[in-house]
Amino acid sequence: MMKIGLRTLKTVVSATLGIVIANYFGLMFPATSGIVAILSVTNTKKSSFKIGIGRLVAFVVATLIALFTYHLLGYTALAFGLFLLLFIPIAAKWQMPEAIPVNSVLMTHFLNEQSMSPYLIANAFFLLLIGVSLALVANLYMPNKEAAILENKVQVDETIQLLLKQLGELLMSPHQTLKCDDLFKELSQEIKQGRTLAKQDLENKLLNQDSYLLNYFNMRKHQFNTLEDMYQLIQHIRVEEDIAMIVNELLIDISKSYSEANDALGLKQQVLDVFQIYELKPLPTSRVEFENRAKLYQLLLTIQSFIDIKVNFFELNQK
């Protein structure tokens, strides 16, 4: 069975009402109002508001340019072509590309009527105003995405916990990489989805500018990149069993105490403790040992970076 989404319903209702209202007030080209509504219903409140205001401002610019070109060359296709040649670059420079098709259509009304009388200019403006206004009203209602975002946050945290444990196991058994690959793909998708939901949630709050949720997923994205670095290092490290056990226990401890509310300062101290154990180890006696020791040191730095990302995020959001 075909599923009809909320945006589709909003678009249908707005376009239909746009034509009905334009007809009621006796405006010429009433279907244009419906087309404007179709092109103005967006996924978020802020984008709909921005596009709507942009189209109204661009209408003034487009009308002035049309007055010049039609006066210069008459109501001809050549005059309309000159209008587009001037209007499109200006709209693009002002970052209003979405205003180009709507206002271009409105300027063809003058071409069809061979006139730019005050009545026709007012007619075009009200067609635009009706369509834009209906889209804005339709987008005042947006479904609450908070539950979906919270669910996604839990999924991201749980996947990171599993991944940390798996990286620890990989350090002990270097050939078991398949599960890590699957977890990285899963985590990447979860973070991407979370960021998308958080951006939409922020865009739907016209007054509330709290960007905590978006910042949270951005923080997890930075940690994801760090986890990838850890994964690459672990695949090329061959260290003594006692050191491998210590780092494995560290990763397990991080996964166990890993949560949104944890300030991660205790975890940071654990990393420093492992550094001290590392520094007390005898110096390497061969090139292979030296290279492995260097990679292990780099791995510990990367784990520390993973913790620092969380520490910094926690401190910023405590202010």
Protein backbone atom coordinates (compact mmCIF):
# COMPACT_ATOMS: atom_id res chain seq x y z
CA MET A 1 0.00 0.00 0.00
CA MET A 2 1.32 3.43 -0.96
CA LYS A 3 2.29 5.56 2.03
CA ILE A 4 1.51 9.27 1.96
CA GLY A 5 3.84 11.39 4.09
CA LEU A 6 3.07 14.47 6.16
CA ARG A 7 4.95 16.78 3.81
CA THR A 8 2.93 15.49 0.87
CA LEU A 9 -0.33 16.18 2.71
CA LYS A 10 0.84 19.68 3.63
CA THR A 11 1.82 20.36 0.02
CA VAL A 12 -1.51 19.14 -1.36
CA VAL A 13 -3.58 21.17 1.11
CA SER A 14 -1.47 24.31 0.70
CA ALA A 15 -1.55 24.17 -3.11
CA THR A 16 -5.30 23.54 -3.20
CA LEU A 17 -6.07 26.36 -0.76
CA GLY A 18 -3.73 28.65 -2.65
CA ILE A 19 -5.73 28.26 -5.85
CA VAL A 20 -9.06 28.53 -4.00
CA ILE A 21 -8.04 31.72 -2.17
CA ALA A 22 -6.60 33.32 -5.32
CA ASN A 23 -9.84 32.55 -7.17
CA TYR A 24 -11.91 33.92 -4.29
CA PHE A 25 -10.13 37.27 -4.51
CA GLY A 26 -10.40 37.32 -8.27
CA LEU A 27 -6.69 37.22 -8.96
CA MET A 28 -5.41 36.41 -12.43
CA PHE A 29 -3.36 33.21 -12.94
CA PRO A 30 -4.61 31.65 -9.66
CA ALA A 31 -2.83 28.34 -10.32
CA THR A 32 0.48 30.15 -9.81
CA SER A 33 -0.37 30.59 -6.14
CA GLY A 34 -0.70 26.82 -5.83
CA ILE A 35 2.66 26.30 -7.55
CA VAL A 36 4.31 28.77 -5.15
CA ALA A 37 2.87 26.83 -2.20
CA ILE A 38 4.18 23.54 -3.61
CA LEU A 39 7.69 24.96 -3.93
CA SER A 40 7.61 26.61 -0.49
CA VAL A 41 6.70 23.65 1.74
CA THR A 42 10.00 22.34 3.11
CA ASN A 43 11.23 19.88 5.75
CA THR A 44 11.74 22.43 8.53
CA LYS A 45 10.20 25.64 9.88
CA LYS A 46 13.36 27.71 9.49
CA SER A 47 14.00 26.69 5.89
CA SER A 48 10.37 27.40 4.95
CA PHE A 49 10.53 30.81 6.63
CA LYS A 50 13.88 31.65 5.02
CA ILE A 51 12.74 30.58 1.55
CA GLY A 52 9.43 32.46 1.90
CA ILE A 53 11.04 35.75 2.95
CA GLY A 54 13.70 35.31 0.28
CA ARG A 55 11.10 34.95 -2.44
CA LEU A 56 9.26 38.09 -1.34
CA VAL A 57 12.48 40.12 -1.32
CA ALA A 58 13.53 38.64 -4.65
CA PHE A 59 10.13 39.57 -6.10
CA VAL A 60 10.94 43.27 -5.60
CA VAL A 61 14.31 42.84 -7.34
CA ALA A 62 12.79 40.77 -10.15
CA THR A 63 10.05 43.35 -10.74
CA LEU A 64 12.56 46.20 -11.01
CA ILE A 65 14.69 44.23 -13.47
CA ALA A 66 11.59 43.28 -15.51
CA LEU A 67 10.50 46.90 -15.65
CA PHE A 68 13.88 47.76 -17.15
CA THR A 69 14.10 44.91 -19.68
CA TYR A 70 10.48 45.10 -20.87
CA HIS A 71 10.74 48.87 -21.19
CA LEU A 72 13.99 48.52 -23.11
CA LEU A 73 13.08 45.69 -25.50
CA GLY A 74 9.31 45.48 -25.25
CA TYR A 75 7.27 42.50 -24.11
CA THR A 76 9.23 39.97 -26.12
CA ALA A 77 11.05 36.69 -25.53
CA LEU A 78 14.33 38.61 -25.95
CA ALA A 79 13.37 40.94 -23.09
CA PHE A 80 12.53 37.97 -20.87
CA GLY A 81 15.87 36.38 -21.77
CA LEU A 82 17.67 39.58 -20.75
CA PHE A 83 15.69 39.56 -17.50
CA LEU A 84 16.91 36.04 -16.72
CA LEU A 85 20.48 37.02 -17.66
CA LEU A 86 20.40 39.76 -15.01
CA PHE A 87 18.17 38.20 -12.36
CA ILE A 88 19.72 34.73 -12.05
CA PRO A 89 23.25 35.91 -11.12
CA ILE A 90 21.86 38.44 -8.62
CA ALA A 91 19.63 35.85 -6.92
CA ALA A 92 22.51 33.36 -6.83
CA LYS A 93 24.88 35.94 -5.33
CA TRP A 94 22.35 36.74 -2.61
CA GLN A 95 22.06 33.00 -1.92
CA MET A 96 18.42 32.86 -3.03
CA PRO A 97 18.51 30.31 -5.88
CA GLU A 98 15.13 28.93 -4.80
CA ALA A 99 13.59 32.31 -5.69
CA ILE A 100 14.60 32.06 -9.35
CA PRO A 101 11.92 29.70 -10.76
CA VAL A 102 8.97 31.20 -8.84
CA ASN A 103 9.75 34.83 -9.64
CA SER A 104 10.63 33.99 -13.23
CA VAL A 105 7.18 32.47 -13.69
CA LEU A 106 5.58 35.55 -12.15
CA MET A 107 7.47 37.79 -14.59
CA THR A 108 6.03 35.80 -17.53
CA HIS A 109 2.58 37.07 -16.49
CA PHE A 110 3.65 40.52 -17.62
CA LEU A 111 4.94 39.05 -20.87
CA ASN A 112 1.62 37.28 -21.48
CA GLU A 113 -0.41 40.41 -20.74
CA GLN A 114 1.99 42.73 -22.57
CA SER A 115 1.84 45.09 -19.62
CA MET A 116 3.34 45.89 -16.21
CA SER A 117 0.47 47.91 -14.85
CA PRO A 118 0.22 48.48 -11.07
CA TYR A 119 -2.72 46.04 -11.02
CA LEU A 120 -0.69 43.24 -12.63
CA ILE A 121 2.27 43.87 -10.31
CA ALA A 122 -0.05 43.75 -7.27
CA ASN A 123 -1.69 40.62 -8.70
CA ALA A 124 1.67 38.86 -8.97
CA PHE A 125 2.69 39.95 -5.46
CA PHE A 126 -0.50 38.62 -3.86
CA LEU A 127 -0.21 35.32 -5.71
CA LEU A 128 3.26 34.98 -4.22
CA LEU A 129 2.15 36.14 -0.77
CA ILE A 130 -0.73 33.65 -0.62
CA GLY A 131 1.44 30.68 -1.64
CA VAL A 132 4.28 31.57 0.72
CA SER A 133 1.93 32.27 3.65
CA LEU A 134 0.10 28.96 3.27
CA ALA A 135 3.41 27.08 3.24
CA LEU A 136 4.53 28.88 6.40
CA VAL A 137 1.28 28.07 8.16
CA ALA A 138 1.48 24.43 7.07
CA ASN A 139 5.00 24.14 8.46
CA LEU A 140 4.04 25.53 11.86
CA TYR A 141 3.26 21.94 12.78
CA MET A 142 6.21 19.58 12.78
CA PRO A 143 6.24 16.16 14.45
CA ASN A 144 8.35 15.97 17.61
CA LYS A 145 11.58 14.11 16.86
CA GLU A 146 12.82 14.01 20.46
CA ALA A 147 11.88 10.37 21.05
CA ALA A 148 13.63 9.27 17.84
CA ILE A 149 16.73 11.30 18.73
CA LEU A 150 16.93 9.84 22.25
CA GLU A 151 16.55 6.33 20.85
CA ASN A 152 19.31 7.03 18.35
CA LYS A 153 21.60 8.34 21.10
CA VAL A 154 21.18 5.09 23.01
CA GLN A 155 21.97 3.09 19.87
CA VAL A 156 25.13 5.11 19.21
CA ASP A 157 26.38 4.72 22.80
CA GLU A 158 25.70 0.99 22.83
CA THR A 159 27.49 0.47 19.51
CA ILE A 160 30.52 2.43 20.72
CA GLN A 161 30.61 0.29 23.88
CA LEU A 162 30.56 -2.88 21.79
CA LEU A 163 33.23 -1.49 19.50
CA LEU A 164 35.55 -0.62 22.38
CA LYS A 165 35.24 -4.16 23.74
CA GLN A 166 35.85 -5.61 20.31
CA LEU A 167 38.95 -3.47 19.80
CA GLY A 168 40.28 -4.79 23.10
CA GLU A 169 39.65 -8.36 21.98
CA LEU A 170 41.29 -7.61 18.64
CA LEU A 171 44.43 -6.53 20.47
CA MET A 172 44.55 -10.01 22.01
CA SER A 173 43.52 -11.84 18.79
CA PRO A 174 44.73 -9.71 15.84
CA HIS A 175 43.04 -11.75 13.09
CA GLN A 176 39.41 -11.21 14.17
CA THR A 177 38.48 -8.04 12.25
CA LEU A 178 35.15 -8.91 10.61
CA LYS A 179 33.01 -7.96 13.62
CA CYS A 180 34.79 -4.61 13.95
CA ASP A 181 34.13 -3.82 10.28
CA ASP A 182 30.41 -4.47 10.76
CA LEU A 183 30.27 -2.36 13.93
CA PHE A 184 32.00 0.57 12.23
CA LYS A 185 29.46 0.50 9.38
CA GLU A 186 26.59 0.34 11.86
CA LEU A 187 27.98 3.17 13.99
CA SER A 188 28.58 5.39 10.96
CA GLN A 189 24.95 5.03 9.88
CA GLU A 190 23.63 5.64 13.40
CA ILE A 191 25.67 8.83 13.87
CA LYS A 192 24.66 10.11 10.43
CA GLN A 193 21.00 9.49 11.20
CA GLY A 194 21.34 11.14 14.62
CA ARG A 195 22.96 14.25 13.15
CA THR A 196 20.22 14.53 10.53
CA LEU A 197 17.46 14.25 13.15
CA ALA A 198 19.20 16.74 15.44
CA LYS A 199 19.63 19.27 12.61
CA GLN A 200 15.95 18.97 11.69
CA ASP A 201 14.95 19.34 15.33
CA LEU A 202 17.04 22.51 15.64
CA GLU A 203 15.66 23.90 12.37
CA ASN A 204 12.12 23.40 13.68
CA LYS A 205 12.70 25.54 16.78
CA LEU A 206 12.37 29.14 15.67
CA LEU A 207 13.07 30.63 19.10
CA ASN A 208 14.94 27.94 21.01
CA GLN A 209 18.53 27.82 19.73
CA ASP A 210 19.78 25.05 22.04
CA SER A 211 22.16 23.04 19.85
CA TYR A 212 23.12 20.45 22.51
CA LEU A 213 21.74 17.47 20.58
CA LEU A 214 23.54 18.40 17.38
CA ASN A 215 26.76 19.07 19.31
CA TYR A 216 26.38 15.68 20.99
CA PHE A 217 26.29 13.80 17.69
CA ASN A 218 29.14 15.93 16.34
CA MET A 219 31.16 14.89 19.38
CA ARG A 220 30.38 11.23 18.69
CA LYS A 221 31.43 11.79 15.06
CA HIS A 222 34.83 13.03 16.24
CA GLN A 223 35.12 10.00 18.51
CA PHE A 224 34.18 7.75 15.59
CA ASN A 225 37.15 9.13 13.64
CA THR A 226 39.39 8.44 16.64
CA LEU A 227 38.07 4.88 16.93
CA GLU A 228 38.96 4.33 13.27
CA ASP A 229 42.52 5.47 14.01
CA MET A 230 42.66 3.07 16.96
CA TYR A 231 41.43 0.25 14.73
CA GLN A 232 44.13 0.86 12.14
CA LEU A 233 46.84 0.93 14.80
CA ILE A 234 45.65 -2.21 16.59
CA GLN A 235 45.71 -4.18 13.34
CA HIS A 236 49.45 -3.50 13.00
CA ILE A 237 50.59 -3.88 16.61
CA ARG A 238 52.24 -6.98 18.02
CA VAL A 239 53.03 -6.43 21.70
CA GLU A 240 53.78 -8.53 24.76
CA GLU A 241 50.82 -10.30 26.28
CA ASP A 242 51.02 -8.39 29.58
CA ILE A 243 50.85 -5.00 27.81
CA ALA A 244 48.07 -6.24 25.54
CA MET A 245 46.14 -7.31 28.65
CA ILE A 246 46.57 -3.91 30.28
CA VAL A 247 45.34 -2.00 27.21
CA ASN A 248 42.52 -4.48 26.76
CA GLU A 249 41.41 -3.92 30.36
CA LEU A 250 41.60 -0.16 29.78
CA LEU A 251 39.31 -0.38 26.74
CA ILE A 252 36.89 -2.61 28.66
CA ASP A 253 36.83 -0.13 31.57
CA ILE A 254 36.15 2.71 29.14
CA SER A 255 33.27 0.77 27.57
CA LYS A 256 31.76 -0.08 30.99
CA SER A 257 31.82 3.47 32.32
CA TYR A 258 31.03 5.05 28.97
CA SER A 259 27.86 7.15 29.17
CA GLU A 260 26.52 10.59 28.32
CA ALA A 261 26.58 11.74 31.96
CA ASN A 262 30.14 10.57 32.67
CA ASP A 263 32.60 13.49 32.73
CA ALA A 264 35.35 11.00 31.69
CA LEU A 265 37.93 12.51 34.07
CA GLY A 266 38.38 9.14 35.83
CA LEU A 267 38.94 7.48 32.47
CA LYS A 268 41.53 10.10 31.61
CA GLN A 269 43.44 9.24 34.77
CA GLN A 270 43.35 5.53 33.86
CA VAL A 271 45.01 6.32 30.54
CA LEU A 272 47.73 8.25 32.36
CA ASP A 273 48.28 5.25 34.66
CA VAL A 274 48.79 3.00 31.63
CA PHE A 275 51.29 5.51 30.24
CA GLN A 276 53.29 5.18 33.46
CA ILE A 277 53.33 1.37 33.16
CA TYR A 278 54.42 1.73 29.54
CA GLU A 279 57.30 4.04 30.47
CA LEU A 280 58.62 1.59 33.09
CA LYS A 281 58.97 -1.23 30.55
CA PRO A 282 62.53 -2.14 29.49
CA LEU A 283 63.81 -0.41 26.38
CA PRO A 284 63.32 -2.29 23.08
CA THR A 285 66.26 -4.37 21.91
CA SER A 286 65.35 -4.75 18.22
CA ARG A 287 63.90 -2.70 15.38
CA VAL A 288 60.66 -4.70 15.44
CA GLU A 289 60.24 -4.13 19.18
CA PHE A 290 60.98 -0.43 18.72
CA GLU A 291 58.37 -0.06 15.95
CA ASN A 292 55.76 -1.92 17.97
CA ARG A 293 56.54 0.21 21.03
CA ALA A 294 56.10 3.37 18.93
CA LYS A 295 52.75 2.15 17.59
CA LEU A 296 51.61 1.25 21.10
CA TYR A 297 52.53 4.72 22.30
CA GLN A 298 50.56 6.20 19.42
CA LEU A 299 47.60 3.96 20.31
CA LEU A 300 47.65 5.23 23.89
CA LEU A 301 47.71 8.81 22.61
CA THR A 302 44.74 8.04 20.39
CA ILE A 303 42.81 6.53 23.33
CA GLN A 304 43.65 9.64 25.33
CA SER A 305 42.34 11.79 22.46
CA PHE A 306 39.12 9.73 22.45
CA ILE A 307 38.67 10.51 26.17
CA ASP A 308 39.62 14.18 25.78
CA ILE A 309 36.89 14.71 23.19
CA LYS A 310 34.31 13.62 25.76
CA VAL A 311 35.94 15.60 28.59
CA ASN A 312 35.89 18.80 26.51
CA PHE A 313 32.27 18.23 25.48
CA PHE A 314 31.20 17.66 29.09
CA GLU A 315 32.98 20.77 30.32
CA LEU A 316 31.53 22.98 27.56
CA ASN A 317 27.99 21.86 28.34
CA GLN A 318 28.38 22.37 32.09
CA LYS A 319 28.83 26.11 31.61
